[in-house]
Amino acid sequence: MGKTKLDTPMKMHMQRLARVEKRPFCYHDFLEFEVDGKKYSMTHGTFRNKISQYLKNGSAQLEYYSGPAFYSLKGVHFAKPKREMTDNHTVVPSLSSVSSLSFIDSLPADKHALHDIRFRLKVDNIWTTITTNHPELRPNEVSKDVSLEPIVTYDLTIKTTIHHTDTVSVYCWVFFKSSCC
């Protein structure tokens, strides 16, 4: 498989996830992603082909299976998260870590900074409800995802995608401007 226009952005996104966010990645992280302000997307099959290529050439490694397969950069290891038990099975356990919060707290407040936050949640029958009650929201022909128009308020942008699997992805990012310089 030759080099495509997705190779460089995919590798940059892999670097950010493993080295900055300090977490493994799976195909969900590449269905829609952004690098240097430019949006990219790929199908699950494209991700599978590319990650197979990276596994063969030694630039990526399989970390573990937990539903989907999770990968990392070669030499950057992550342990499989332990499942948390809860009495209320409608509550999703938090996947955020103290190290992620510490990373955010360590950012200088007086400098330009870009933060992005991703939420993923399961909502029973949301895709059918949305596509039935809102015909103006047309699903993507390939992925069947419904992407809502981004909400921009102040410096915050919120993008919501309703996946055919009844998973809702919410991606929020904000650009903080410093008062200096």
N, C-alpha and C. Protein backbone atom coordinates (compact mmCIF):
# COMPACT_ATOMS: atom_id res chain seq x y z
N MET A 1 0.85 -1.17 0.00
CA MET A 1 0.00 0.00 0.00
C MET A 1 0.90 1.23 0.00
N GLY A 2 0.71 2.14 -0.94
CA GLY A 2 1.51 3.34 -1.04
C GLY A 2 1.07 4.41 -0.06
N LYS A 3 1.86 5.46 0.03
CA LYS A 3 1.56 6.57 0.93
C LYS A 3 0.37 7.36 0.38
N THR A 4 -0.55 7.73 1.27
CA THR A 4 -1.73 8.50 0.87
C THR A 4 -1.75 9.80 1.64
N LYS A 5 -2.74 10.66 1.33
CA LYS A 5 -2.85 11.95 2.00
C LYS A 5 -3.24 11.81 3.47
N LEU A 6 -3.65 10.62 3.88
CA LEU A 6 -4.02 10.39 5.29
C LEU A 6 -2.85 9.96 6.15
N ASP A 7 -1.74 9.51 5.54
CA ASP A 7 -0.64 8.96 6.33
C ASP A 7 -0.04 9.96 7.32
N THR A 8 0.33 11.14 6.85
CA THR A 8 0.96 12.12 7.75
C THR A 8 -0.01 12.58 8.84
N PRO A 9 -1.25 12.99 8.50
CA PRO A 9 -2.16 13.39 9.58
C PRO A 9 -2.46 12.24 10.56
N MET A 10 -2.57 11.01 10.05
CA MET A 10 -2.84 9.88 10.94
C MET A 10 -1.68 9.68 11.90
N LYS A 11 -0.45 9.74 11.40
CA LYS A 11 0.72 9.57 12.27
C LYS A 11 0.80 10.70 13.30
N MET A 12 0.47 11.93 12.89
CA MET A 12 0.50 13.06 13.83
C MET A 12 -0.56 12.87 14.91
N HIS A 13 -1.73 12.39 14.52
CA HIS A 13 -2.81 12.16 15.48
C HIS A 13 -2.43 11.02 16.44
N MET A 14 -1.80 9.97 15.91
CA MET A 14 -1.33 8.87 16.75
C MET A 14 -0.33 9.40 17.78
N GLN A 15 0.59 10.26 17.35
CA GLN A 15 1.58 10.85 18.26
C GLN A 15 0.90 11.64 19.36
N ARG A 16 -0.10 12.46 18.99
CA ARG A 16 -0.80 13.29 19.99
C ARG A 16 -1.52 12.42 21.01
N LEU A 17 -2.22 11.39 20.52
CA LEU A 17 -2.97 10.53 21.43
C LEU A 17 -2.04 9.80 22.40
N ALA A 18 -0.95 9.24 21.89
CA ALA A 18 -0.05 8.43 22.73
C ALA A 18 0.86 9.29 23.60
N ARG A 19 1.39 10.38 23.06
CA ARG A 19 2.40 11.15 23.79
C ARG A 19 1.84 12.33 24.57
N VAL A 20 0.78 12.98 24.08
CA VAL A 20 0.21 14.14 24.77
C VAL A 20 -0.96 13.71 25.65
N GLU A 21 -1.94 13.00 25.05
CA GLU A 21 -3.09 12.55 25.84
C GLU A 21 -2.74 11.33 26.68
N LYS A 22 -1.61 10.70 26.38
CA LYS A 22 -1.10 9.54 27.13
C LYS A 22 -2.14 8.43 27.23
N ARG A 23 -2.62 8.02 26.04
CA ARG A 23 -3.58 6.92 25.98
C ARG A 23 -3.43 6.18 24.67
N PRO A 24 -3.87 4.91 24.66
CA PRO A 24 -3.86 4.16 23.41
C PRO A 24 -5.00 4.66 22.51
N PHE A 25 -5.03 4.21 21.29
CA PHE A 25 -6.05 4.65 20.36
C PHE A 25 -6.67 3.45 19.66
N CYS A 26 -7.90 3.66 19.17
CA CYS A 26 -8.58 2.64 18.38
C CYS A 26 -9.19 3.32 17.16
N TYR A 27 -9.88 2.58 16.33
CA TYR A 27 -10.41 3.15 15.10
C TYR A 27 -11.39 4.29 15.35
N HIS A 28 -12.07 4.30 16.50
CA HIS A 28 -13.02 5.38 16.81
C HIS A 28 -12.33 6.74 16.78
N ASP A 29 -11.06 6.79 17.16
CA ASP A 29 -10.32 8.04 17.21
C ASP A 29 -10.01 8.60 15.83
N PHE A 30 -10.23 7.80 14.78
CA PHE A 30 -9.85 8.21 13.43
C PHE A 30 -11.03 8.33 12.48
N LEU A 31 -12.26 8.07 12.97
CA LEU A 31 -13.42 8.23 12.10
C LEU A 31 -13.53 9.69 11.67
N GLU A 32 -13.33 10.60 12.61
CA GLU A 32 -13.25 12.04 12.36
C GLU A 32 -12.21 12.59 13.31
N PHE A 33 -11.20 13.28 12.78
CA PHE A 33 -10.17 13.86 13.63
C PHE A 33 -9.62 15.11 12.97
N GLU A 34 -8.88 15.88 13.74
CA GLU A 34 -8.37 17.15 13.26
C GLU A 34 -6.88 17.24 13.56
N VAL A 35 -6.12 17.72 12.59
CA VAL A 35 -4.69 17.95 12.75
C VAL A 35 -4.37 19.30 12.14
N ASP A 36 -3.74 20.15 12.91
CA ASP A 36 -3.36 21.49 12.44
C ASP A 36 -4.55 22.25 11.85
N GLY A 37 -5.70 22.11 12.49
CA GLY A 37 -6.88 22.85 12.06
C GLY A 37 -7.60 22.28 10.84
N LYS A 38 -7.10 21.19 10.29
CA LYS A 38 -7.73 20.57 9.13
C LYS A 38 -8.42 19.28 9.56
N LYS A 39 -9.64 19.08 9.07
CA LYS A 39 -10.42 17.90 9.45
C LYS A 39 -10.16 16.75 8.48
N TYR A 40 -10.08 15.55 9.06
CA TYR A 40 -9.87 14.33 8.29
C TYR A 40 -10.88 13.29 8.75
N SER A 41 -11.13 12.33 7.90
CA SER A 41 -11.99 11.21 8.29
C SER A 41 -11.55 9.98 7.50
N MET A 42 -11.86 8.83 8.07
CA MET A 42 -11.59 7.57 7.39
C MET A 42 -12.60 6.54 7.86
N THR A 43 -12.79 5.55 7.04
CA THR A 43 -13.69 4.46 7.41
C THR A 43 -12.94 3.48 8.29
N HIS A 44 -13.69 2.61 8.93
CA HIS A 44 -13.08 1.57 9.76
C HIS A 44 -12.14 0.71 8.93
N GLY A 45 -12.54 0.38 7.71
CA GLY A 45 -11.70 -0.44 6.83
C GLY A 45 -10.38 0.24 6.47
N THR A 46 -10.43 1.54 6.21
CA THR A 46 -9.20 2.28 5.91
C THR A 46 -8.29 2.28 7.13
N PHE A 47 -8.87 2.52 8.32
CA PHE A 47 -8.05 2.47 9.54
C PHE A 47 -7.40 1.10 9.69
N ARG A 48 -8.19 0.05 9.49
CA ARG A 48 -7.69 -1.32 9.66
C ARG A 48 -6.52 -1.58 8.70
N ASN A 49 -6.65 -1.13 7.45
CA ASN A 49 -5.57 -1.33 6.48
C ASN A 49 -4.32 -0.55 6.88
N LYS A 50 -4.50 0.70 7.30
CA LYS A 50 -3.35 1.53 7.66
C LYS A 50 -2.68 1.03 8.93
N ILE A 51 -3.44 0.65 9.94
CA ILE A 51 -2.83 0.19 11.19
C ILE A 51 -2.11 -1.14 10.93
N SER A 52 -2.63 -1.97 10.04
CA SER A 52 -1.93 -3.21 9.69
C SER A 52 -0.58 -2.90 9.07
N GLN A 53 -0.54 -1.89 8.22
CA GLN A 53 0.71 -1.47 7.60
C GLN A 53 1.68 -0.96 8.67
N TYR A 54 1.20 -0.17 9.62
CA TYR A 54 2.07 0.38 10.68
C TYR A 54 2.55 -0.72 11.63
N LEU A 55 1.71 -1.75 11.86
CA LEU A 55 2.14 -2.87 12.68
C LEU A 55 3.26 -3.64 11.97
N LYS A 56 3.11 -3.84 10.67
CA LYS A 56 4.12 -4.57 9.90
C LYS A 56 5.45 -3.82 9.83
N ASN A 57 5.38 -2.48 9.66
CA ASN A 57 6.64 -1.73 9.53
C ASN A 57 7.23 -1.33 10.89
N GLY A 58 6.54 -1.70 11.99
CA GLY A 58 7.10 -1.48 13.32
C GLY A 58 6.87 -0.10 13.92
N SER A 59 6.02 0.72 13.32
CA SER A 59 5.78 2.05 13.90
C SER A 59 4.63 2.05 14.89
N ALA A 60 3.85 0.96 14.95
CA ALA A 60 2.74 0.86 15.91
C ALA A 60 2.75 -0.54 16.51
N GLN A 61 2.02 -0.69 17.61
CA GLN A 61 1.93 -1.99 18.28
C GLN A 61 0.53 -2.17 18.85
N LEU A 62 0.09 -3.41 18.92
CA LEU A 62 -1.19 -3.75 19.54
C LEU A 62 -1.00 -3.67 21.05
N GLU A 63 -1.91 -2.98 21.73
CA GLU A 63 -1.84 -2.90 23.19
C GLU A 63 -2.75 -3.94 23.84
N TYR A 64 -4.03 -3.94 23.48
CA TYR A 64 -4.98 -4.88 24.06
C TYR A 64 -6.30 -4.82 23.31
N TYR A 65 -7.17 -5.80 23.59
CA TYR A 65 -8.53 -5.81 23.06
C TYR A 65 -9.47 -5.48 24.21
N SER A 66 -10.40 -4.58 23.95
CA SER A 66 -11.44 -4.26 24.92
C SER A 66 -12.65 -3.82 24.12
N GLY A 67 -13.31 -4.77 23.46
CA GLY A 67 -14.27 -4.43 22.41
C GLY A 67 -13.43 -4.23 21.17
N PRO A 68 -13.14 -2.97 20.81
CA PRO A 68 -12.21 -2.78 19.69
C PRO A 68 -10.77 -3.02 20.13
N ALA A 69 -9.89 -3.17 19.17
CA ALA A 69 -8.46 -3.30 19.46
C ALA A 69 -7.88 -1.92 19.73
N PHE A 70 -6.99 -1.84 20.71
CA PHE A 70 -6.32 -0.58 21.04
C PHE A 70 -4.85 -0.70 20.70
N TYR A 71 -4.31 0.36 20.13
CA TYR A 71 -2.94 0.38 19.65
C TYR A 71 -2.18 1.55 20.27
N SER A 72 -0.86 1.52 20.12
CA SER A 72 -0.03 2.63 20.54
C SER A 72 1.16 2.71 19.60
N LEU A 73 1.99 3.72 19.82
CA LEU A 73 3.23 3.83 19.07
C LEU A 73 4.19 2.76 19.56
N LYS A 74 5.07 2.32 18.72
CA LYS A 74 6.06 1.32 19.11
C LYS A 74 6.85 1.84 20.31
N GLY A 75 6.91 1.06 21.38
CA GLY A 75 7.67 1.41 22.58
C GLY A 75 6.91 2.25 23.59
N VAL A 76 5.69 2.66 23.28
CA VAL A 76 4.86 3.43 24.23
C VAL A 76 3.73 2.51 24.68
N HIS A 77 3.85 1.99 25.92
CA HIS A 77 2.91 0.98 26.39
C HIS A 77 1.85 1.56 27.33
N PHE A 78 0.67 0.96 27.28
CA PHE A 78 -0.43 1.32 28.16
C PHE A 78 -1.06 0.03 28.67
N ALA A 79 -1.42 0.02 29.94
CA ALA A 79 -2.08 -1.16 30.51
C ALA A 79 -3.57 -1.09 30.18
N LYS A 80 -4.17 -2.24 30.06
CA LYS A 80 -5.61 -2.30 29.83
C LYS A 80 -6.31 -1.77 31.07
N PRO A 81 -7.24 -0.80 30.92
CA PRO A 81 -7.93 -0.27 32.10
C PRO A 81 -8.76 -1.34 32.78
N LYS A 82 -8.76 -1.30 34.09
CA LYS A 82 -9.58 -2.24 34.85
C LYS A 82 -11.02 -1.77 34.81
N ARG A 83 -11.93 -2.70 34.65
CA ARG A 83 -13.35 -2.35 34.64
C ARG A 83 -13.78 -1.99 36.04
N GLU A 84 -14.49 -0.90 36.16
CA GLU A 84 -15.03 -0.49 37.46
C GLU A 84 -16.43 -1.06 37.60
N MET A 85 -16.71 -1.58 38.76
CA MET A 85 -18.05 -2.11 39.02
C MET A 85 -18.87 -1.02 39.69
N THR A 86 -20.13 -0.97 39.37
CA THR A 86 -21.02 0.02 39.95
C THR A 86 -22.37 -0.63 40.23
N ASP A 87 -23.04 -0.16 41.27
CA ASP A 87 -24.37 -0.68 41.57
C ASP A 87 -25.38 -0.19 40.55
N ASN A 88 -25.13 1.00 39.99
CA ASN A 88 -26.03 1.57 39.01
C ASN A 88 -25.43 1.31 37.62
N HIS A 89 -25.96 0.33 36.90
CA HIS A 89 -25.38 -0.06 35.63
C HIS A 89 -25.72 0.88 34.49
N THR A 90 -26.49 1.95 34.77
CA THR A 90 -26.73 2.96 33.74
C THR A 90 -25.66 4.04 33.76
N VAL A 91 -24.79 4.01 34.75
CA VAL A 91 -23.73 5.00 34.88
C VAL A 91 -22.47 4.46 34.21
N VAL A 92 -21.87 5.28 33.36
CA VAL A 92 -20.62 4.89 32.70
C VAL A 92 -19.47 5.31 33.58
N PRO A 93 -18.56 4.39 33.94
CA PRO A 93 -17.42 4.77 34.77
C PRO A 93 -16.53 5.77 34.06
N SER A 94 -15.94 6.66 34.82
CA SER A 94 -15.07 7.68 34.27
C SER A 94 -13.79 7.06 33.74
N LEU A 95 -13.37 7.49 32.55
CA LEU A 95 -12.13 7.00 31.98
C LEU A 95 -11.03 8.03 32.09
N SER A 96 -11.36 9.22 32.64
CA SER A 96 -10.33 10.23 32.77
C SER A 96 -9.36 9.82 33.86
N SER A 97 -8.13 10.27 33.73
CA SER A 97 -7.13 9.87 34.70
C SER A 97 -6.56 11.09 35.39
N VAL A 98 -5.97 10.86 36.55
CA VAL A 98 -5.35 11.94 37.29
C VAL A 98 -4.24 12.56 36.45
N SER A 99 -3.52 11.74 35.68
CA SER A 99 -2.43 12.29 34.87
C SER A 99 -2.96 13.25 33.81
N SER A 100 -4.15 12.98 33.22
CA SER A 100 -4.72 13.89 32.25
C SER A 100 -5.09 15.21 32.90
N LEU A 101 -5.69 15.13 34.10
CA LEU A 101 -6.06 16.35 34.81
C LEU A 101 -4.82 17.12 35.23
N SER A 102 -3.79 16.41 35.66
CA SER A 102 -2.55 17.06 36.05
C SER A 102 -1.93 17.77 34.85
N PHE A 103 -2.03 17.15 33.68
CA PHE A 103 -1.49 17.77 32.48
C PHE A 103 -2.19 19.09 32.20
N ILE A 104 -3.51 19.11 32.28
CA ILE A 104 -4.27 20.34 32.04
C ILE A 104 -3.92 21.39 33.09
N ASP A 105 -3.84 20.97 34.36
CA ASP A 105 -3.51 21.92 35.42
C ASP A 105 -2.12 22.51 35.25
N SER A 106 -1.22 21.79 34.59
CA SER A 106 0.15 22.27 34.45
C SER A 106 0.33 23.26 33.31
N LEU A 107 -0.71 23.45 32.47
CA LEU A 107 -0.59 24.38 31.37
C LEU A 107 -0.56 25.81 31.88
N PRO A 108 0.33 26.65 31.37
CA PRO A 108 0.41 28.04 31.84
C PRO A 108 -0.83 28.82 31.43
N ALA A 109 -1.43 29.53 32.36
CA ALA A 109 -2.66 30.27 32.11
C ALA A 109 -2.43 31.51 31.26
N ASP A 110 -1.21 32.01 31.22
CA ASP A 110 -0.94 33.25 30.50
C ASP A 110 -0.47 33.03 29.07
N LYS A 111 -0.57 31.82 28.56
CA LYS A 111 -0.11 31.50 27.20
C LYS A 111 -1.30 31.06 26.36
N HIS A 112 -1.12 31.17 25.02
CA HIS A 112 -2.13 30.63 24.11
C HIS A 112 -2.24 29.14 24.34
N ALA A 113 -3.45 28.61 24.33
CA ALA A 113 -3.61 27.18 24.55
C ALA A 113 -4.82 26.67 23.79
N LEU A 114 -4.73 25.47 23.32
CA LEU A 114 -5.84 24.83 22.64
C LEU A 114 -6.17 23.57 23.42
N HIS A 115 -7.42 23.44 23.82
CA HIS A 115 -7.86 22.28 24.59
C HIS A 115 -8.95 21.58 23.81
N ASP A 116 -8.95 20.29 23.83
CA ASP A 116 -10.06 19.57 23.23
C ASP A 116 -10.50 18.46 24.16
N ILE A 117 -11.80 18.30 24.19
CA ILE A 117 -12.41 17.31 25.08
C ILE A 117 -13.35 16.48 24.23
N ARG A 118 -13.30 15.16 24.42
CA ARG A 118 -14.16 14.25 23.68
C ARG A 118 -15.01 13.45 24.66
N PHE A 119 -16.27 13.37 24.32
CA PHE A 119 -17.20 12.55 25.09
C PHE A 119 -17.79 11.53 24.13
N ARG A 120 -18.03 10.35 24.63
CA ARG A 120 -18.68 9.31 23.85
C ARG A 120 -19.67 8.63 24.78
N LEU A 121 -20.92 8.54 24.35
CA LEU A 121 -21.91 7.89 25.19
C LEU A 121 -22.88 7.11 24.33
N LYS A 122 -23.48 6.13 24.93
CA LYS A 122 -24.45 5.26 24.24
C LYS A 122 -25.85 5.73 24.63
N VAL A 123 -26.70 5.95 23.63
CA VAL A 123 -28.09 6.36 23.87
C VAL A 123 -28.98 5.44 23.03
N ASP A 124 -29.74 4.61 23.70
CA ASP A 124 -30.57 3.63 23.00
C ASP A 124 -31.51 4.30 22.00
N ASN A 125 -31.51 3.80 20.77
CA ASN A 125 -32.41 4.21 19.69
C ASN A 125 -32.27 5.67 19.24
N ILE A 126 -31.19 6.33 19.58
CA ILE A 126 -31.08 7.75 19.19
C ILE A 126 -30.95 7.92 17.69
N TRP A 127 -30.21 7.03 17.01
CA TRP A 127 -30.02 7.18 15.57
C TRP A 127 -31.35 7.05 14.85
N THR A 128 -32.14 6.05 15.20
CA THR A 128 -33.45 5.84 14.57
C THR A 128 -34.38 7.01 14.87
N THR A 129 -34.37 7.47 16.10
CA THR A 129 -35.22 8.61 16.49
C THR A 129 -34.86 9.86 15.70
N ILE A 130 -33.56 10.16 15.61
CA ILE A 130 -33.11 11.36 14.89
C ILE A 130 -33.42 11.26 13.40
N THR A 131 -33.10 10.13 12.79
CA THR A 131 -33.31 10.01 11.34
C THR A 131 -34.79 9.94 10.97
N THR A 132 -35.61 9.44 11.89
CA THR A 132 -37.05 9.37 11.63
C THR A 132 -37.71 10.74 11.82
N ASN A 133 -37.37 11.43 12.90
CA ASN A 133 -38.03 12.69 13.24
C ASN A 133 -37.40 13.92 12.61
N HIS A 134 -36.20 13.77 12.07
CA HIS A 134 -35.51 14.91 11.46
C HIS A 134 -34.94 14.51 10.09
N PRO A 135 -35.80 14.40 9.08
CA PRO A 135 -35.33 13.98 7.75
C PRO A 135 -34.34 14.96 7.13
N GLU A 136 -34.30 16.19 7.63
CA GLU A 136 -33.34 17.16 7.10
C GLU A 136 -31.89 16.82 7.50
N LEU A 137 -31.74 15.97 8.52
CA LEU A 137 -30.42 15.52 8.95
C LEU A 137 -30.11 14.21 8.22
N ARG A 138 -29.39 14.32 7.14
CA ARG A 138 -29.12 13.15 6.29
C ARG A 138 -27.86 12.43 6.75
N PRO A 139 -27.95 11.11 6.92
CA PRO A 139 -26.77 10.33 7.30
C PRO A 139 -25.71 10.31 6.19
N ASN A 140 -24.47 10.19 6.58
CA ASN A 140 -23.36 10.03 5.65
C ASN A 140 -23.60 8.74 4.87
N GLU A 141 -23.38 8.78 3.57
CA GLU A 141 -23.68 7.61 2.72
C GLU A 141 -22.85 6.38 3.07
N VAL A 142 -21.61 6.58 3.53
CA VAL A 142 -20.73 5.45 3.83
C VAL A 142 -20.87 5.00 5.27
N SER A 143 -20.66 5.93 6.22
CA SER A 143 -20.63 5.55 7.64
C SER A 143 -22.02 5.48 8.26
N LYS A 144 -23.00 6.14 7.64
CA LYS A 144 -24.37 6.26 8.16
C LYS A 144 -24.45 7.18 9.39
N ASP A 145 -23.33 7.86 9.74
CA ASP A 145 -23.32 8.80 10.86
C ASP A 145 -24.11 10.06 10.50
N VAL A 146 -24.72 10.66 11.49
CA VAL A 146 -25.39 11.94 11.33
C VAL A 146 -24.55 12.98 12.06
N SER A 147 -24.01 13.92 11.31
CA SER A 147 -23.20 14.98 11.91
C SER A 147 -24.04 16.24 12.02
N LEU A 148 -24.16 16.74 13.24
CA LEU A 148 -24.91 17.97 13.45
C LEU A 148 -24.02 19.16 13.14
N GLU A 149 -24.63 20.28 12.82
CA GLU A 149 -23.87 21.51 12.58
C GLU A 149 -23.13 21.87 13.87
N PRO A 150 -21.87 22.28 13.77
CA PRO A 150 -21.14 22.67 14.98
C PRO A 150 -21.82 23.87 15.66
N ILE A 151 -21.75 23.86 16.97
CA ILE A 151 -22.24 25.00 17.77
C ILE A 151 -21.02 25.81 18.15
N VAL A 152 -21.05 27.09 17.83
CA VAL A 152 -19.94 27.97 18.18
C VAL A 152 -20.48 29.04 19.12
N THR A 153 -19.93 29.09 20.32
CA THR A 153 -20.34 30.07 21.29
C THR A 153 -19.10 30.60 21.99
N TYR A 154 -18.92 31.90 21.97
CA TYR A 154 -17.71 32.53 22.47
C TYR A 154 -16.52 31.89 21.77
N ASP A 155 -15.57 31.33 22.50
CA ASP A 155 -14.42 30.68 21.88
C ASP A 155 -14.57 29.15 21.88
N LEU A 156 -15.76 28.65 22.18
CA LEU A 156 -16.00 27.22 22.30
C LEU A 156 -16.72 26.70 21.05
N THR A 157 -16.21 25.62 20.49
CA THR A 157 -16.86 24.95 19.36
C THR A 157 -17.24 23.54 19.81
N ILE A 158 -18.47 23.15 19.53
CA ILE A 158 -18.98 21.83 19.93
C ILE A 158 -19.49 21.13 18.68
N LYS A 159 -18.93 19.96 18.40
CA LYS A 159 -19.35 19.16 17.24
C LYS A 159 -19.93 17.84 17.76
N THR A 160 -21.12 17.51 17.28
CA THR A 160 -21.80 16.30 17.73
C THR A 160 -22.06 15.38 16.54
N THR A 161 -21.76 14.11 16.72
CA THR A 161 -22.01 13.10 15.70
C THR A 161 -22.82 11.97 16.33
N ILE A 162 -23.88 11.59 15.64
CA ILE A 162 -24.72 10.47 16.08
C ILE A 162 -24.40 9.30 15.17
N HIS A 163 -23.79 8.27 15.73
CA HIS A 163 -23.36 7.11 14.95
C HIS A 163 -24.51 6.12 14.80
N HIS A 164 -24.47 5.37 13.72
CA HIS A 164 -25.49 4.36 13.42
C HIS A 164 -25.58 3.32 14.54
N THR A 165 -24.54 3.21 15.35
CA THR A 165 -24.48 2.24 16.45
C THR A 165 -25.14 2.77 17.73
N ASP A 166 -25.83 3.92 17.64
CA ASP A 166 -26.46 4.58 18.78
C ASP A 166 -25.44 5.13 19.78
N THR A 167 -24.25 5.41 19.29
CA THR A 167 -23.24 6.09 20.09
C THR A 167 -23.23 7.55 19.67
N VAL A 168 -23.14 8.44 20.64
CA VAL A 168 -23.06 9.87 20.36
C VAL A 168 -21.66 10.34 20.73
N SER A 169 -20.99 11.01 19.79
CA SER A 169 -19.67 11.58 20.03
C SER A 169 -19.82 13.09 20.09
N VAL A 170 -19.29 13.67 21.14
CA VAL A 170 -19.30 15.12 21.29
C VAL A 170 -17.85 15.55 21.42
N TYR A 171 -17.44 16.46 20.56
CA TYR A 171 -16.06 16.94 20.53
C TYR A 171 -16.11 18.44 20.78
N CYS A 172 -15.49 18.88 21.85
CA CYS A 172 -15.48 20.30 22.23
C CYS A 172 -14.06 20.81 22.20
N TRP A 173 -13.87 21.97 21.64
CA TRP A 173 -12.55 22.58 21.72
C TRP A 173 -12.71 24.08 21.88
N VAL A 174 -11.73 24.66 22.53
CA VAL A 174 -11.77 26.09 22.79
C VAL A 174 -10.37 26.64 22.57
N PHE A 175 -10.32 27.83 22.01
CA PHE A 175 -9.04 28.50 21.84
C PHE A 175 -8.98 29.64 22.83
N PHE A 176 -8.07 29.55 23.80
CA PHE A 176 -7.90 30.58 24.79
C PHE A 176 -6.90 31.60 24.28
N LYS A 177 -7.27 32.86 24.33
CA LYS A 177 -6.35 33.92 23.91
C LYS A 177 -5.77 34.57 25.16
N SER A 178 -4.49 34.75 25.16
CA SER A 178 -3.88 35.39 26.32
C SER A 178 -3.99 36.89 26.17
N SER A 179 -3.93 37.59 27.28
CA SER A 179 -4.02 39.04 27.25
C SER A 179 -2.67 39.69 26.99
N CYS A 180 -1.62 38.89 27.01
CA CYS A 180 -0.29 39.45 26.76
C CYS A 180 0.12 39.23 25.31
N CYS A 181 1.09 39.95 24.87
CA CYS A 181 1.72 39.79 23.54
C CYS A 181 0.72 39.93 22.43
